[in-house]
Amino acid sequence: MLRKWKRLAVVMVVGAALGSGNAALPAAGAWGNAALPAAGAWGNAALPAAGAWGNAALPAASAWQAVKRLILTDGSFQTATEWKKEGERVKYFSAERGEWEELPTALVDWKATDEWNAQSAQSTSEELKQETAEEVAARKDEQLNTPLVAAELRLPADGGVFLLEEAGKPVLQKLDGSKIQVNGNEGKTMLKRSFDPLARQVQTIELKGAAAKVRVHAVALSIFLDVENDQGPIAGDNFRIVRLEKKKELRRLATAKVDVAGGESITERFLHSRAEKFGGNWWKLIAMEDLTPGEYAIVSTVAGQDAVVWDFGVDK
């Protein structure tokens, strides 16, 4: 019952093309104003030159984005991007065949058509709202894991240890972990034990280099930590700030003494500090006393995490 719009010229041309197998299509002018035939009707014939399609109208660009249905009275439907009633006929642009077609308006169940398209539009709108809500949640998670520490300065999502110096323009610096080394002073200890069997074994925990690479000038700093081990994120109250002792080309972190009975004592210079939850897995470590000029390190008291420290220096 469907009748193609202005199809007479197309039928004549397609008939000629099919009769000649892979023969070339007729000249551009032969198309007139006819609409294009259905997809696949060309066989292997070459397409006409640019501009040879005639003046067949195409729908507006936005019409390609929404596919609707014309529900027919027999229960079938035609997919279309737009349509318009003209007297007793309705012209529609077929989403399946990509051309204008028409049929009698009496064959369309307009109530069913309106209901189906309204329900489809509502479902699409709800899906878009749901996606928007998911995007908002994702953005909130991202902001939680990348908290703002100063104007236009955010901590990264991949964690680490950072210093924020707020004297003047805020500056955020990352501290790279440095491995410690243990100096057992075996020669001196063995010599001392030869005279005093009860002498303690002394070990020093040190960092190579006379000064840290990262330097700051403020005595009050904000320290931010997001560090993990095999068990997951480490809570901020497991970190301490230690003042280092300079020894030529080394910086001493601590001194450990072990007596003959196996007892151990460790001497180190912790600064008073407290930790507070900041955002996501981030913690803020706050020094409760000024950091006077010198060398410092941030250490973890968690077992297995004490082989690496994060060092920095405070200059005048």
Protein backbone atom coordinates (compact mmCIF):
# COMPACT_ATOMS: atom_id res chain seq x y z
CA MET A 1 0.00 0.00 0.00
CA LEU A 2 2.99 2.23 0.36
CA ARG A 3 3.73 4.47 -2.58
CA LYS A 4 7.14 5.98 -3.19
CA TRP A 5 7.26 9.72 -3.61
CA LYS A 6 8.15 10.69 -7.20
CA ARG A 7 9.46 7.23 -7.94
CA LEU A 8 8.61 6.84 -11.64
CA ALA A 9 11.91 8.15 -13.00
CA VAL A 10 13.88 6.06 -10.49
CA VAL A 11 12.07 2.84 -11.48
CA MET A 12 12.96 3.41 -15.11
CA VAL A 13 16.64 4.07 -14.32
CA VAL A 14 17.02 1.14 -11.91
CA GLY A 15 15.36 -1.19 -14.41
CA ALA A 16 17.89 -0.18 -17.01
CA ALA A 17 20.82 -0.56 -14.58
CA LEU A 18 19.74 -4.01 -13.41
CA GLY A 19 19.26 -5.17 -16.96
CA SER A 20 22.88 -4.39 -17.82
CA GLY A 21 24.53 -6.01 -14.72
CA ASN A 22 27.44 -3.80 -13.69
CA ALA A 23 26.88 -1.18 -16.36
CA ALA A 24 27.55 2.45 -15.48
CA LEU A 25 24.64 4.57 -14.34
CA PRO A 26 23.09 7.12 -16.69
CA ALA A 27 24.21 10.72 -16.83
CA ALA A 28 23.51 13.08 -13.98
CA GLY A 29 20.67 14.84 -15.68
CA ALA A 30 18.69 11.61 -15.97
CA TRP A 31 17.87 11.67 -12.27
CA GLY A 32 15.65 14.70 -12.45
CA ASN A 33 14.17 15.46 -9.07
CA ALA A 34 13.54 11.84 -8.10
CA ALA A 35 14.42 10.51 -4.68
CA LEU A 36 17.15 7.85 -4.37
CA PRO A 37 16.20 4.16 -4.60
CA ALA A 38 16.37 1.81 -1.65
CA ALA A 39 19.77 0.74 -0.26
CA GLY A 40 21.31 -2.16 -2.20
CA ALA A 41 19.41 -1.41 -5.44
CA TRP A 42 22.55 -0.14 -7.16
CA GLY A 43 24.33 -3.47 -7.44
CA ASN A 44 28.00 -2.76 -8.22
CA ALA A 45 27.32 0.20 -10.45
CA ALA A 46 29.35 3.38 -9.94
CA LEU A 47 27.66 6.27 -8.13
CA PRO A 48 26.94 9.44 -10.12
CA ALA A 49 29.19 12.46 -9.89
CA ALA A 50 28.82 15.05 -7.15
CA GLY A 51 25.77 17.23 -7.62
CA ALA A 52 23.95 14.59 -9.72
CA TRP A 53 21.45 13.69 -7.03
CA GLY A 54 18.94 16.29 -8.13
CA ASN A 55 16.93 18.42 -5.78
CA ALA A 56 15.36 15.78 -3.50
CA ALA A 57 14.82 17.32 -0.10
CA LEU A 58 16.64 16.01 2.98
CA PRO A 59 15.44 16.44 6.55
CA ALA A 60 17.01 18.91 8.95
CA ALA A 61 20.28 17.84 10.60
CA SER A 62 18.67 17.44 13.99
CA ALA A 63 16.16 14.97 12.56
CA TRP A 64 18.85 12.34 12.16
CA GLN A 65 19.28 12.16 15.91
CA ALA A 66 15.79 11.02 16.92
CA VAL A 67 14.20 7.94 15.37
CA LYS A 68 10.45 7.67 15.93
CA ARG A 69 7.75 5.25 14.84
CA LEU A 70 4.64 5.61 12.75
CA ILE A 71 2.37 2.86 14.14
CA LEU A 72 0.03 1.51 11.48
CA THR A 73 -3.50 0.23 12.00
CA ASP A 74 -2.43 -3.36 11.18
CA GLY A 75 0.07 -3.31 14.09
CA SER A 76 3.20 -2.82 11.97
CA PHE A 77 5.24 0.38 11.97
CA GLN A 78 7.57 2.54 9.90
CA THR A 79 10.68 4.08 11.48
CA ALA A 80 11.02 7.75 10.63
CA THR A 81 12.88 10.82 11.76
CA GLU A 82 10.12 13.25 10.85
CA TRP A 83 6.79 13.45 9.06
CA LYS A 84 4.14 15.90 7.97
CA LYS A 85 0.49 15.54 7.02
CA GLU A 86 -0.59 16.83 3.61
CA GLY A 87 -4.33 16.37 3.17
CA GLU A 88 -5.17 12.67 3.25
CA ARG A 89 -1.54 11.57 3.00
CA VAL A 90 1.43 11.70 5.36
CA LYS A 91 4.97 12.17 4.09
CA TYR A 92 7.77 10.79 6.28
CA PHE A 93 11.53 10.45 6.01
CA SER A 94 12.34 6.75 6.40
CA ALA A 95 15.06 6.11 8.97
CA GLU A 96 15.60 2.70 7.42
CA ARG A 97 15.87 3.65 3.77
CA GLY A 98 17.03 7.24 4.06
CA GLU A 99 14.42 8.76 1.73
CA TRP A 100 11.04 10.44 1.69
CA GLU A 101 8.02 8.17 1.43
CA GLU A 102 4.30 8.63 1.87
CA LEU A 103 1.16 6.70 2.76
CA PRO A 104 -2.52 7.44 3.45
CA THR A 105 -3.17 9.02 6.84
CA ALA A 106 -5.99 6.51 7.34
CA LEU A 107 -3.40 3.71 7.63
CA VAL A 108 -1.74 5.36 10.65
CA ASP A 109 -2.90 4.67 14.21
CA TRP A 110 -2.17 8.15 15.46
CA LYS A 111 -3.09 7.45 19.10
CA ALA A 112 -0.72 4.47 19.28
CA THR A 113 1.93 6.51 17.46
CA ASP A 114 1.74 9.38 19.95
CA GLU A 115 1.76 7.05 22.97
CA TRP A 116 4.75 5.03 21.78
CA ASN A 117 6.86 8.07 20.91
CA ALA A 118 5.98 9.84 24.17
CA GLN A 119 7.03 6.78 26.19
CA SER A 120 10.24 6.46 24.17
CA ALA A 121 11.10 10.13 24.73
CA GLN A 122 10.45 9.77 28.49
CA SER A 123 12.69 6.69 28.71
CA THR A 124 15.46 8.51 26.86
CA SER A 125 15.10 11.51 29.18
CA GLU A 126 15.32 9.28 32.29
CA GLU A 127 18.41 7.56 30.92
CA LEU A 128 20.04 10.94 30.33
CA LYS A 129 19.15 12.03 33.87
CA GLN A 130 20.61 8.81 35.26
CA GLU A 131 23.82 9.31 33.29
CA THR A 132 24.01 12.87 34.55
CA ALA A 133 23.60 11.68 38.15
CA GLU A 134 26.37 9.12 37.61
CA GLU A 135 28.59 11.83 36.17
CA VAL A 136 27.89 14.04 39.19
CA ALA A 137 28.76 11.16 41.54
CA ALA A 138 31.96 10.48 39.61
CA ARG A 139 32.90 14.16 39.79
CA LYS A 140 32.28 14.19 43.55
CA ASP A 141 34.46 11.11 43.98
CA GLU A 142 37.18 12.75 41.93
CA GLN A 143 37.00 15.93 43.99
CA LEU A 144 37.07 13.88 47.19
CA ASN A 145 40.25 12.09 46.08
CA THR A 146 41.81 15.31 44.75
CA PRO A 147 41.00 17.79 47.53
CA LEU A 148 41.67 21.49 47.13
CA VAL A 149 44.51 22.72 49.37
CA ALA A 150 44.76 26.29 48.06
CA ALA A 151 43.37 28.37 45.22
CA GLU A 152 43.75 26.30 42.03
CA LEU A 153 45.93 23.75 43.85
CA ARG A 154 44.64 20.19 44.22
CA LEU A 155 46.29 17.05 45.51
CA PRO A 156 46.61 14.28 42.88
CA ALA A 157 44.43 11.18 42.85
CA ASP A 158 47.43 8.83 42.84
CA GLY A 159 48.57 9.88 46.34
CA GLY A 160 52.02 10.64 47.71
CA VAL A 161 53.54 13.01 50.28
CA PHE A 162 53.33 16.78 49.67
CA LEU A 163 54.39 19.99 51.40
CA LEU A 164 52.30 23.13 51.12
CA GLU A 165 54.19 26.36 51.74
CA GLU A 166 51.75 29.25 52.10
CA ALA A 167 54.14 32.16 52.65
CA GLY A 168 53.27 34.47 49.78
CA LYS A 169 51.95 32.52 46.78
CA PRO A 170 51.05 28.95 47.85
CA VAL A 171 53.51 26.35 46.56
CA LEU A 172 52.81 22.61 46.60
CA GLN A 173 55.86 20.34 46.41
CA LYS A 174 56.01 16.56 46.19
CA LEU A 175 58.46 14.63 48.36
CA ASP A 176 60.06 11.56 46.82
CA GLY A 177 60.81 8.68 49.16
CA SER A 178 64.44 8.17 50.17
CA LYS A 179 65.85 4.85 51.33
CA ILE A 180 67.56 4.77 54.69
CA GLN A 181 70.86 3.03 55.39
CA VAL A 182 71.98 1.39 58.63
CA ASN A 183 75.56 1.93 59.76
CA GLY A 184 76.55 -0.72 62.26
CA ASN A 185 79.92 0.78 63.27
CA GLU A 186 81.13 -2.83 63.53
CA GLY A 187 84.86 -1.97 63.82
CA LYS A 188 84.47 0.40 66.74
CA THR A 189 81.99 -1.90 68.48
CA MET A 190 84.22 -4.95 68.21
CA LEU A 191 87.22 -3.00 69.56
CA LYS A 192 85.19 -1.65 72.47
CA ARG A 193 83.84 -5.11 73.32
CA SER A 194 87.35 -6.52 73.52
CA PHE A 195 87.84 -4.30 76.59
CA ASP A 196 84.23 -4.28 77.84
CA PRO A 197 82.15 -7.43 77.13
CA LEU A 198 79.01 -5.62 78.32
CA ALA A 199 79.39 -2.82 75.82
CA ARG A 200 76.35 -2.09 73.64
CA GLN A 201 76.28 -2.44 69.87
CA VAL A 202 75.50 0.93 68.30
CA GLN A 203 73.76 1.38 64.96
CA THR A 204 72.89 4.63 63.25
CA ILE A 205 70.06 5.08 60.76
CA GLU A 206 71.10 7.58 58.12
CA LEU A 207 70.26 9.24 54.83
CA LYS A 208 72.84 9.87 52.16
CA GLY A 209 73.64 13.47 51.30
CA ALA A 210 74.17 16.53 53.43
CA ALA A 211 70.86 18.15 52.45
CA ALA A 212 67.48 17.23 51.01
CA LYS A 213 66.58 18.27 47.47
CA VAL A 214 63.26 19.85 48.44
CA ARG A 215 63.74 23.15 50.30
CA VAL A 216 61.18 25.40 51.97
CA HIS A 217 61.44 28.70 53.84
CA ALA A 218 58.37 28.67 56.06
CA VAL A 219 58.55 27.51 59.66
CA ALA A 220 54.87 26.49 59.55
CA LEU A 221 54.00 23.97 56.83
CA SER A 222 51.03 21.86 55.82
CA ILE A 223 51.96 18.24 55.13
CA PHE A 224 49.59 16.01 53.17
CA LEU A 225 49.92 12.24 52.98
CA ASP A 226 48.24 9.48 51.00
CA VAL A 227 50.49 6.42 51.37
CA GLU A 228 49.60 2.74 51.01
CA ASN A 229 51.24 -0.56 51.84
CA ASP A 230 50.16 -4.15 51.14
CA GLN A 231 47.34 -3.77 53.67
CA GLY A 232 45.90 -0.62 52.09
CA PRO A 233 46.01 3.10 53.00
CA ILE A 234 48.07 4.01 56.07
CA ALA A 235 46.32 6.22 58.62
CA GLY A 236 47.88 9.62 59.19
CA ASP A 237 48.50 9.07 62.90
CA ASN A 238 51.17 6.50 61.93
CA PHE A 239 53.46 9.25 60.61
CA ARG A 240 55.95 11.40 62.48
CA ILE A 241 58.17 14.39 61.68
CA VAL A 242 61.81 13.85 62.66
CA ARG A 243 64.56 16.45 62.86
CA LEU A 244 67.75 15.03 61.35
CA GLU A 245 71.27 15.45 62.68
CA LYS A 246 73.84 16.50 60.07
CA LYS A 247 77.05 14.44 59.98
CA LYS A 248 79.32 15.57 57.13
CA GLU A 249 77.77 14.06 53.98
CA LEU A 250 75.09 12.19 55.90
CA ARG A 251 71.97 13.05 57.85
CA ARG A 252 71.35 10.91 60.91
CA LEU A 253 67.75 9.87 61.47
CA ALA A 254 68.16 7.83 64.64
CA THR A 255 70.65 5.97 66.81
CA ALA A 256 69.90 2.43 67.96
CA LYS A 257 71.74 0.68 70.80
CA VAL A 258 71.51 -3.06 71.42
CA ASP A 259 72.91 -4.58 74.64
CA VAL A 260 74.16 -8.13 75.12
CA ALA A 261 70.76 -9.22 76.42
CA GLY A 262 69.11 -8.14 73.20
CA GLY A 263 67.51 -5.03 74.61
CA GLU A 264 67.26 -2.15 72.17
CA SER A 265 66.90 1.58 72.63
CA ILE A 266 66.41 4.08 69.83
CA THR A 267 67.15 7.76 70.07
CA GLU A 268 65.45 10.08 67.58
CA ARG A 269 64.14 13.63 67.60
CA PHE A 270 60.41 13.55 66.94
CA LEU A 271 58.49 16.81 66.65
CA HIS A 272 55.11 17.09 68.32
CA SER A 273 52.43 16.69 65.65
CA ARG A 274 48.88 15.58 65.09
CA ALA A 275 47.06 14.09 62.10
CA GLU A 276 43.58 14.79 60.83
CA LYS A 277 41.53 13.30 58.01
CA PHE A 278 41.51 15.62 55.02
CA GLY A 279 39.61 14.04 52.10
CA GLY A 280 39.46 10.65 50.40
CA ASN A 281 42.55 8.74 51.54
CA TRP A 282 44.42 11.98 52.26
CA TRP A 283 45.62 12.97 55.73
CA LYS A 284 46.97 16.29 56.95
CA LEU A 285 49.95 16.14 59.31
CA ILE A 286 50.22 19.27 61.43
CA ALA A 287 53.43 20.15 63.31
CA MET A 288 52.65 21.49 66.78
CA GLU A 289 55.94 23.40 66.92
CA ASP A 290 57.84 25.54 64.44
CA LEU A 291 60.22 23.87 62.03
CA THR A 292 63.44 25.81 62.61
CA PRO A 293 66.08 25.82 59.84
CA GLY A 294 67.56 22.36 59.37
CA GLU A 295 66.95 18.93 57.86
CA TYR A 296 63.77 16.93 58.42
CA ALA A 297 62.10 13.68 57.38
CA ILE A 298 58.61 12.25 57.56
CA VAL A 299 58.68 8.64 58.76
CA SER A 300 56.09 5.91 59.15
CA THR A 301 55.82 3.88 62.34
CA VAL A 302 54.10 1.01 60.47
CA ALA A 303 56.22 -2.15 60.35
CA GLY A 304 57.64 -2.77 56.89
CA GLN A 305 57.20 0.86 55.88
CA ASP A 306 60.19 2.22 57.81
CA ALA A 307 62.76 1.55 55.06
CA VAL A 308 61.61 4.68 53.19
CA VAL A 309 61.30 8.23 54.50
CA TRP A 310 60.36 11.54 52.86
CA ASP A 311 63.00 14.21 53.51
CA PHE A 312 63.04 17.99 53.13
CA GLY A 313 64.97 20.96 54.39
CA VAL A 314 63.97 24.27 55.96
CA ASP A 315 66.14 27.28 55.06
CA LYS A 316 66.20 30.70 56.63
